[in-house]
Amino acid sequence: MQKQTLVYEGKAKKIWSTEDENLLISEFKDELTAFNGAKKAVEEGKGALNNKISRELFKLLESKGIQTHFVEMLDDNHMLHKRAKVILIEVIVRNIATGSLSRNLGIEDGKVLPFTLVEFDYKNDELGDPKLNDQHALLLELVDDASELEYIRYMARKINTILQTFYASKNLTLVDFKLEFGKDSNGNIILIDELSPDNFRLWDSTSGEKMDKDRFRQGLGNLKVAYEEVLNRILGEQK
């Protein structure tokens, strides 16, 4: 399977068409961005790590009955996946308060939430990805009806339960993460995008060390080392 026409380029990936109209190739980039693109850098090898981590997590979720767009990893930086119509909602799943939740609502940083919080953001860079409620999503026609929003919430919580349990077995705490969904050629809502430390907050369960893109956001350094450690633990190679 070969790349043909560039379909889309985002902050972390390029999306290419292929000879099969139902399949696309994602090219994982080494660029890093934060604060809606205000902070930028390049970390050589980051894209390959995100691709490998995403592969393992997509395979895990598929084995648990979650439909995803994943087909196969073609090489270090390229993933083959199904074409899907993107639902322009970023789904934020939170288990522990930190980041914008603590800043905006005054909840103590590091506080374990009494229930899993699922939030919706409008996937729109020009508007700064604002928060959505259900009525906003319906007003903007981001979904067909309210039942689709409920299904997305249900899937987000199910995915969270699977990943929380998996990460805990690797001595990692799943703090929060972003998911994206789309509709496949049959109209089914499936999980798309990527599953990596670019989109997840992960803390070492013993030390509390941050193992995700907060290392870039907060200037902590050693981002690639942290991503490599996450991959090693996922593969069962923790030292």
C-alpha atoms as a PDB file:
ATOM      1  CA  MET A   1       0.000   0.000   0.000  1.00  0.00           C
ATOM      2  CA  GLN A   2       1.468   3.332  -1.116  1.00  0.00           C
ATOM      3  CA  LYS A   3       0.825   6.972  -0.230  1.00  0.00           C
ATOM      4  CA  GLN A   4      -0.846   8.948  -2.992  1.00  0.00           C
ATOM      5  CA  THR A   5      -2.473  12.349  -2.350  1.00  0.00           C
ATOM      6  CA  LEU A   6      -2.145  14.361   0.859  1.00  0.00           C
ATOM      7  CA  VAL A   7      -5.665  14.526   2.277  1.00  0.00           C
ATOM      8  CA  TYR A   8      -5.019  16.437   5.510  1.00  0.00           C
ATOM      9  CA  GLU A   9      -2.142  17.697   7.640  1.00  0.00           C
ATOM     10  CA  GLY A  10      -2.560  18.343  11.339  1.00  0.00           C
ATOM     11  CA  LYS A  11      -0.220  19.129  14.208  1.00  0.00           C
ATOM     12  CA  ALA A  12       0.939  15.532  14.696  1.00  0.00           C
ATOM     13  CA  LYS A  13       0.115  13.648  11.492  1.00  0.00           C
ATOM     14  CA  LYS A  14      -0.265  13.794   7.745  1.00  0.00           C
ATOM     15  CA  ILE A  15      -3.099  11.768   6.206  1.00  0.00           C
ATOM     16  CA  TRP A  16      -2.603  10.279   2.738  1.00  0.00           C
ATOM     17  CA  SER A  17      -4.965   8.585   0.303  1.00  0.00           C
ATOM     18  CA  THR A  18      -4.121   5.154  -1.123  1.00  0.00           C
ATOM     19  CA  GLU A  19      -5.144   3.097  -4.150  1.00  0.00           C
ATOM     20  CA  ASP A  20      -8.033   1.798  -2.031  1.00  0.00           C
ATOM     21  CA  GLU A  21     -10.662   4.505  -1.490  1.00  0.00           C
ATOM     22  CA  ASN A  22     -11.619   2.950   1.853  1.00  0.00           C
ATOM     23  CA  LEU A  23      -8.078   3.007   3.288  1.00  0.00           C
ATOM     24  CA  LEU A  24      -5.805   5.872   4.342  1.00  0.00           C
ATOM     25  CA  ILE A  25      -2.244   6.135   5.628  1.00  0.00           C
ATOM     26  CA  SER A  26      -1.338   8.251   8.650  1.00  0.00           C
ATOM     27  CA  GLU A  27       2.230   9.560   8.744  1.00  0.00           C
ATOM     28  CA  PHE A  28       3.246  10.322  12.325  1.00  0.00           C
ATOM     29  CA  LYS A  29       5.319  13.504  12.601  1.00  0.00           C
ATOM     30  CA  ASP A  30       8.079  14.436  15.039  1.00  0.00           C
ATOM     31  CA  GLU A  31       6.662  17.921  15.632  1.00  0.00           C
ATOM     32  CA  LEU A  32       5.392  18.906  19.071  1.00  0.00           C
ATOM     33  CA  THR A  33       2.858  21.639  19.735  1.00  0.00           C
ATOM     34  CA  ALA A  34       1.184  22.934  22.890  1.00  0.00           C
ATOM     35  CA  PHE A  35      -1.151  25.741  23.946  1.00  0.00           C
ATOM     36  CA  ASN A  36      -3.033  25.706  20.612  1.00  0.00           C
ATOM     37  CA  GLY A  37       0.224  25.864  18.650  1.00  0.00           C
ATOM     38  CA  ALA A  38       1.817  28.702  20.605  1.00  0.00           C
ATOM     39  CA  LYS A  39       4.701  26.438  21.672  1.00  0.00           C
ATOM     40  CA  LYS A  40       6.416  24.314  19.033  1.00  0.00           C
ATOM     41  CA  ALA A  41       9.406  21.997  18.794  1.00  0.00           C
ATOM     42  CA  VAL A  42      10.697  18.899  17.015  1.00  0.00           C
ATOM     43  CA  GLU A  43      11.655  15.692  18.862  1.00  0.00           C
ATOM     44  CA  GLU A  44      13.281  13.209  16.492  1.00  0.00           C
ATOM     45  CA  GLY A  45      11.748   9.751  16.867  1.00  0.00           C
ATOM     46  CA  LYS A  46       8.604  10.964  18.656  1.00  0.00           C
ATOM     47  CA  GLY A  47       6.350  10.122  15.717  1.00  0.00           C
ATOM     48  CA  ALA A  48       7.603   6.545  15.492  1.00  0.00           C
ATOM     49  CA  LEU A  49       7.059   6.040  19.223  1.00  0.00           C
ATOM     50  CA  ASN A  50       3.494   7.365  18.994  1.00  0.00           C
ATOM     51  CA  ASN A  51       2.809   5.069  16.040  1.00  0.00           C
ATOM     52  CA  LYS A  52       4.081   2.003  17.897  1.00  0.00           C
ATOM     53  CA  ILE A  53       2.219   2.860  21.107  1.00  0.00           C
ATOM     54  CA  SER A  54      -0.981   3.512  19.149  1.00  0.00           C
ATOM     55  CA  ARG A  55      -0.644   0.169  17.359  1.00  0.00           C
ATOM     56  CA  GLU A  56      -0.419  -1.738  20.619  1.00  0.00           C
ATOM     57  CA  LEU A  57      -3.357   0.081  22.202  1.00  0.00           C
ATOM     58  CA  PHE A  58      -5.579  -0.207  19.133  1.00  0.00           C
ATOM     59  CA  LYS A  59      -4.864  -3.954  19.069  1.00  0.00           C
ATOM     60  CA  LEU A  60      -5.667  -4.191  22.782  1.00  0.00           C
ATOM     61  CA  LEU A  61      -8.986  -2.389  22.350  1.00  0.00           C
ATOM     62  CA  GLU A  62      -9.890  -4.438  19.271  1.00  0.00           C
ATOM     63  CA  SER A  63      -9.326  -7.597  21.322  1.00  0.00           C
ATOM     64  CA  LYS A  64     -11.855  -6.239  23.847  1.00  0.00           C
ATOM     65  CA  GLY A  65     -14.537  -5.622  21.213  1.00  0.00           C
ATOM     66  CA  ILE A  66     -13.906  -1.918  20.499  1.00  0.00           C
ATOM     67  CA  GLN A  67     -14.222  -1.056  16.802  1.00  0.00           C
ATOM     68  CA  THR A  68     -11.339   1.119  15.596  1.00  0.00           C
ATOM     69  CA  HIS A  69      -9.969   2.359  12.298  1.00  0.00           C
ATOM     70  CA  PHE A  70      -6.659   0.487  12.751  1.00  0.00           C
ATOM     71  CA  VAL A  71      -5.572  -1.966  10.035  1.00  0.00           C
ATOM     72  CA  GLU A  72      -1.804  -2.354  10.397  1.00  0.00           C
ATOM     73  CA  MET A  73       1.452  -0.492  11.000  1.00  0.00           C
ATOM     74  CA  LEU A  74       3.322  -0.195   7.706  1.00  0.00           C
ATOM     75  CA  ASP A  75       6.643   1.030   9.110  1.00  0.00           C
ATOM     76  CA  ASP A  76       7.926   3.100  12.023  1.00  0.00           C
ATOM     77  CA  ASN A  77       6.101   6.284  10.998  1.00  0.00           C
ATOM     78  CA  HIS A  78       3.175   5.028   8.902  1.00  0.00           C
ATOM     79  CA  MET A  79      -0.112   3.383   9.887  1.00  0.00           C
ATOM     80  CA  LEU A  80      -2.726   1.985   7.504  1.00  0.00           C
ATOM     81  CA  HIS A  81      -6.294   2.556   8.644  1.00  0.00           C
ATOM     82  CA  LYS A  82      -9.881   2.712   7.474  1.00  0.00           C
ATOM     83  CA  ARG A  83     -11.273   5.909   6.046  1.00  0.00           C
ATOM     84  CA  ALA A  84     -13.837   7.473   8.370  1.00  0.00           C
ATOM     85  CA  LYS A  85     -15.870  10.657   8.404  1.00  0.00           C
ATOM     86  CA  VAL A  86     -14.488  12.519  11.408  1.00  0.00           C
ATOM     87  CA  ILE A  87     -16.961  13.572  14.087  1.00  0.00           C
ATOM     88  CA  LEU A  88     -15.722  17.053  15.027  1.00  0.00           C
ATOM     89  CA  ILE A  89     -15.859  16.413  18.766  1.00  0.00           C
ATOM     90  CA  GLU A  90     -12.797  15.875  20.931  1.00  0.00           C
ATOM     91  CA  VAL A  91     -13.813  13.579  23.763  1.00  0.00           C
ATOM     92  CA  ILE A  92     -11.912  14.298  26.983  1.00  0.00           C
ATOM     93  CA  VAL A  93     -11.949  11.560  29.634  1.00  0.00           C
ATOM     94  CA  ARG A  94     -10.736  12.499  33.118  1.00  0.00           C
ATOM     95  CA  ASN A  95      -9.978  10.292  36.119  1.00  0.00           C
ATOM     96  CA  ILE A  96      -7.816  12.737  38.104  1.00  0.00           C
ATOM     97  CA  ALA A  97      -8.042  16.542  38.209  1.00  0.00           C
ATOM     98  CA  THR A  98      -5.160  18.394  36.597  1.00  0.00           C
ATOM     99  CA  GLY A  99      -4.480  20.869  33.783  1.00  0.00           C
ATOM    100  CA  SER A 100      -7.432  22.937  32.570  1.00  0.00           C
ATOM    101  CA  LEU A 101      -9.911  21.192  34.885  1.00  0.00           C
ATOM    102  CA  SER A 102      -7.982  22.378  37.944  1.00  0.00           C
ATOM    103  CA  ARG A 103      -7.339  25.842  36.477  1.00  0.00           C
ATOM    104  CA  ASN A 104     -10.917  26.480  35.366  1.00  0.00           C
ATOM    105  CA  LEU A 105     -12.853  24.965  38.267  1.00  0.00           C
ATOM    106  CA  GLY A 106     -10.405  25.278  41.152  1.00  0.00           C
ATOM    107  CA  ILE A 107     -10.316  21.531  41.808  1.00  0.00           C
ATOM    108  CA  GLU A 108      -7.132  20.518  43.602  1.00  0.00           C
ATOM    109  CA  ASP A 109      -4.461  19.279  41.203  1.00  0.00           C
ATOM    110  CA  GLY A 110      -4.051  15.523  41.604  1.00  0.00           C
ATOM    111  CA  LYS A 111      -7.463  14.970  43.219  1.00  0.00           C
ATOM    112  CA  VAL A 112      -8.964  11.615  42.217  1.00  0.00           C
ATOM    113  CA  LEU A 113     -12.419  12.319  40.808  1.00  0.00           C
ATOM    114  CA  PRO A 114     -15.413  10.556  42.375  1.00  0.00           C
ATOM    115  CA  PHE A 115     -16.508   9.399  38.905  1.00  0.00           C
ATOM    116  CA  THR A 116     -15.091   9.377  35.396  1.00  0.00           C
ATOM    117  CA  LEU A 117     -15.734  12.769  33.806  1.00  0.00           C
ATOM    118  CA  VAL A 118     -16.419  12.838  30.063  1.00  0.00           C
ATOM    119  CA  GLU A 119     -16.285  16.244  28.365  1.00  0.00           C
ATOM    120  CA  PHE A 120     -16.794  17.363  24.765  1.00  0.00           C
ATOM    121  CA  ASP A 121     -14.701  19.989  22.966  1.00  0.00           C
ATOM    122  CA  TYR A 122     -15.493  21.362  19.506  1.00  0.00           C
ATOM    123  CA  LYS A 123     -12.670  20.242  17.197  1.00  0.00           C
ATOM    124  CA  ASN A 124     -12.016  23.664  15.684  1.00  0.00           C
ATOM    125  CA  ASP A 125      -8.539  25.211  15.922  1.00  0.00           C
ATOM    126  CA  GLU A 126      -9.701  28.650  14.781  1.00  0.00           C
ATOM    127  CA  LEU A 127     -12.078  28.853  17.752  1.00  0.00           C
ATOM    128  CA  GLY A 128      -9.585  27.314  20.192  1.00  0.00           C
ATOM    129  CA  ASP A 129     -11.480  24.013  20.612  1.00  0.00           C
ATOM    130  CA  PRO A 130     -14.226  25.415  22.902  1.00  0.00           C
ATOM    131  CA  LYS A 131     -16.244  23.312  25.341  1.00  0.00           C
ATOM    132  CA  LEU A 132     -19.499  21.816  24.067  1.00  0.00           C
ATOM    133  CA  ASN A 133     -22.644  20.675  25.768  1.00  0.00           C
ATOM    134  CA  ASP A 134     -25.107  18.317  24.086  1.00  0.00           C
ATOM    135  CA  GLN A 135     -27.279  21.136  22.751  1.00  0.00           C
ATOM    136  CA  HIS A 136     -24.257  22.835  21.182  1.00  0.00           C
ATOM    137  CA  ALA A 137     -23.290  19.583  19.448  1.00  0.00           C
ATOM    138  CA  LEU A 138     -26.811  19.165  18.073  1.00  0.00           C
ATOM    139  CA  LEU A 139     -27.062  22.844  17.095  1.00  0.00           C
ATOM    140  CA  LEU A 140     -23.804  22.536  15.114  1.00  0.00           C
ATOM    141  CA  GLU A 141     -25.017  19.226  13.595  1.00  0.00           C
ATOM    142  CA  LEU A 142     -21.853  17.457  14.708  1.00  0.00           C
ATOM    143  CA  VAL A 143     -23.923  14.296  15.240  1.00  0.00           C
ATOM    144  CA  ASP A 144     -27.256  13.115  13.848  1.00  0.00           C
ATOM    145  CA  ASP A 145     -29.074  12.909  17.163  1.00  0.00           C
ATOM    146  CA  ALA A 146     -28.669  12.736  20.942  1.00  0.00           C
ATOM    147  CA  SER A 147     -28.357   8.944  20.910  1.00  0.00           C
ATOM    148  CA  GLU A 148     -25.018   9.260  19.107  1.00  0.00           C
ATOM    149  CA  LEU A 149     -23.697  11.490  21.877  1.00  0.00           C
ATOM    150  CA  GLU A 150     -24.775   8.940  24.464  1.00  0.00           C
ATOM    151  CA  TYR A 151     -23.090   6.170  22.501  1.00  0.00           C
ATOM    152  CA  ILE A 152     -19.850   8.171  22.305  1.00  0.00           C
ATOM    153  CA  ARG A 153     -19.972   8.745  26.084  1.00  0.00           C
ATOM    154  CA  TYR A 154     -20.605   5.039  26.667  1.00  0.00           C
ATOM    155  CA  MET A 155     -17.683   4.045  24.424  1.00  0.00           C
ATOM    156  CA  ALA A 156     -15.368   6.612  26.063  1.00  0.00           C
ATOM    157  CA  ARG A 157     -16.098   5.171  29.514  1.00  0.00           C
ATOM    158  CA  LYS A 158     -15.692   1.594  28.273  1.00  0.00           C
ATOM    159  CA  ILE A 159     -12.332   2.444  26.672  1.00  0.00           C
ATOM    160  CA  ASN A 160     -11.278   4.203  29.879  1.00  0.00           C
ATOM    161  CA  THR A 161     -12.027   1.113  31.968  1.00  0.00           C
ATOM    162  CA  ILE A 162      -9.986  -1.104  29.643  1.00  0.00           C
ATOM    163  CA  LEU A 163      -7.023   1.276  29.495  1.00  0.00           C
ATOM    164  CA  GLN A 164      -7.044   2.101  33.217  1.00  0.00           C
ATOM    165  CA  THR A 165      -6.785  -1.589  34.053  1.00  0.00           C
ATOM    166  CA  PHE A 166      -4.111  -2.183  31.418  1.00  0.00           C
ATOM    167  CA  TYR A 167      -1.960   0.774  32.445  1.00  0.00           C
ATOM    168  CA  ALA A 168      -2.264  -0.103  36.134  1.00  0.00           C
ATOM    169  CA  SER A 169      -0.703  -3.477  35.312  1.00  0.00           C
ATOM    170  CA  LYS A 170       2.253  -1.520  33.869  1.00  0.00           C
ATOM    171  CA  ASN A 171       2.639   0.669  36.974  1.00  0.00           C
ATOM    172  CA  LEU A 172       1.161   3.651  35.119  1.00  0.00           C
ATOM    173  CA  THR A 173      -1.782   5.803  36.215  1.00  0.00           C
ATOM    174  CA  LEU A 174      -4.140   6.999  33.484  1.00  0.00           C
ATOM    175  CA  VAL A 175      -4.935  10.575  34.509  1.00  0.00           C
ATOM    176  CA  ASP A 176      -6.876  11.817  31.492  1.00  0.00           C
ATOM    177  CA  PHE A 177      -6.876  11.512  27.707  1.00  0.00           C
ATOM    178  CA  LYS A 178      -8.436  12.658  24.438  1.00  0.00           C
ATOM    179  CA  LEU A 179     -10.331  10.415  22.030  1.00  0.00           C
ATOM    180  CA  GLU A 180     -11.719  11.023  18.559  1.00  0.00           C
ATOM    181  CA  PHE A 181     -14.436   9.114  16.769  1.00  0.00           C
ATOM    182  CA  GLY A 182     -15.634   8.868  13.184  1.00  0.00           C
ATOM    183  CA  LYS A 183     -18.133   7.027  11.023  1.00  0.00           C
ATOM    184  CA  ASP A 184     -16.958   4.223   8.763  1.00  0.00           C
ATOM    185  CA  SER A 185     -18.357   3.423   5.307  1.00  0.00           C
ATOM    186  CA  ASN A 186     -21.270   1.586   6.942  1.00  0.00           C
ATOM    187  CA  GLY A 187     -22.151   4.480   9.235  1.00  0.00           C
ATOM    188  CA  ASN A 188     -20.767   2.804  12.351  1.00  0.00           C
ATOM    189  CA  ILE A 189     -19.161   5.049  14.972  1.00  0.00           C
ATOM    190  CA  ILE A 190     -15.579   3.833  15.473  1.00  0.00           C
ATOM    191  CA  LEU A 191     -12.493   4.995  17.363  1.00  0.00           C
ATOM    192  CA  ILE A 192      -9.988   6.887  15.179  1.00  0.00           C
ATOM    193  CA  ASP A 193      -6.926   9.158  15.393  1.00  0.00           C
ATOM    194  CA  GLU A 194      -4.136   7.915  17.724  1.00  0.00           C
ATOM    195  CA  LEU A 195      -3.615   6.604  21.261  1.00  0.00           C
ATOM    196  CA  SER A 196      -0.325   8.002  22.479  1.00  0.00           C
ATOM    197  CA  PRO A 197       1.315  10.093  25.233  1.00  0.00           C
ATOM    198  CA  ASP A 198       0.630  13.115  23.015  1.00  0.00           C
ATOM    199  CA  ASN A 199      -3.055  12.631  23.871  1.00  0.00           C
ATOM    200  CA  PHE A 200      -2.798  10.872  27.261  1.00  0.00           C
ATOM    201  CA  ARG A 201      -1.650  12.048  30.664  1.00  0.00           C
ATOM    202  CA  LEU A 202       0.213   9.152  32.272  1.00  0.00           C
ATOM    203  CA  TRP A 203       1.944   9.230  35.657  1.00  0.00           C
ATOM    204  CA  ASP A 204       4.283   6.629  37.060  1.00  0.00           C
ATOM    205  CA  SER A 205       2.168   4.973  39.752  1.00  0.00           C
ATOM    206  CA  THR A 206       5.054   4.821  42.251  1.00  0.00           C
ATOM    207  CA  SER A 207       6.934   8.085  41.764  1.00  0.00           C
ATOM    208  CA  GLY A 208       4.225  10.263  40.189  1.00  0.00           C
ATOM    209  CA  GLU A 209       6.649  11.164  37.377  1.00  0.00           C
ATOM    210  CA  LYS A 210       4.921  12.529  34.282  1.00  0.00           C
ATOM    211  CA  MET A 211       5.307  10.245  31.251  1.00  0.00           C
ATOM    212  CA  ASP A 212       3.472  12.289  28.612  1.00  0.00           C
ATOM    213  CA  LYS A 213       3.438  15.542  26.642  1.00  0.00           C
ATOM    214  CA  ASP A 214       3.282  17.562  29.865  1.00  0.00           C
ATOM    215  CA  ARG A 215       7.053  17.091  29.863  1.00  0.00           C
ATOM    216  CA  PHE A 216       7.068  19.394  26.817  1.00  0.00           C
ATOM    217  CA  ARG A 217       4.304  21.715  28.013  1.00  0.00           C
ATOM    218  CA  GLN A 218       6.031  22.267  31.353  1.00  0.00           C
ATOM    219  CA  GLY A 219       9.646  22.249  30.106  1.00  0.00           C
ATOM    220  CA  LEU A 220      10.597  19.122  32.054  1.00  0.00           C
ATOM    221  CA  GLY A 221      12.743  17.632  29.273  1.00  0.00           C
ATOM    222  CA  ASN A 222      13.432  13.969  28.436  1.00  0.00           C
ATOM    223  CA  LEU A 223      10.169  13.590  26.538  1.00  0.00           C
ATOM    224  CA  LYS A 224      11.488  10.905  24.200  1.00  0.00           C
ATOM    225  CA  VAL A 225      12.915   8.944  27.141  1.00  0.00           C
ATOM    226  CA  ALA A 226       9.492   9.005  28.819  1.00  0.00           C
ATOM    227  CA  TYR A 227       7.700   7.876  25.628  1.00  0.00           C
ATOM    228  CA  GLU A 228      10.226   5.072  25.179  1.00  0.00           C
ATOM    229  CA  GLU A 229       9.576   3.935  28.740  1.00  0.00           C
ATOM    230  CA  VAL A 230       5.820   3.922  28.128  1.00  0.00           C
ATOM    231  CA  LEU A 231       6.310   1.756  25.021  1.00  0.00           C
ATOM    232  CA  ASN A 232       8.662  -0.586  26.871  1.00  0.00           C
ATOM    233  CA  ARG A 233       6.136  -1.066  29.668  1.00  0.00           C
ATOM    234  CA  ILE A 234       3.313  -1.677  27.198  1.00  0.00           C
ATOM    235  CA  LEU A 235       5.451  -4.340  25.529  1.00  0.00           C
ATOM    236  CA  GLY A 236       6.281  -5.877  28.902  1.00  0.00           C
ATOM    237  CA  GLU A 237       9.900  -4.741  28.876  1.00  0.00           C
ATOM    238  CA  GLN A 238       9.878  -2.604  32.003  1.00  0.00           C
ATOM    239  CA  LYS A 239      13.289  -2.604  33.694  1.00  0.00           C
END
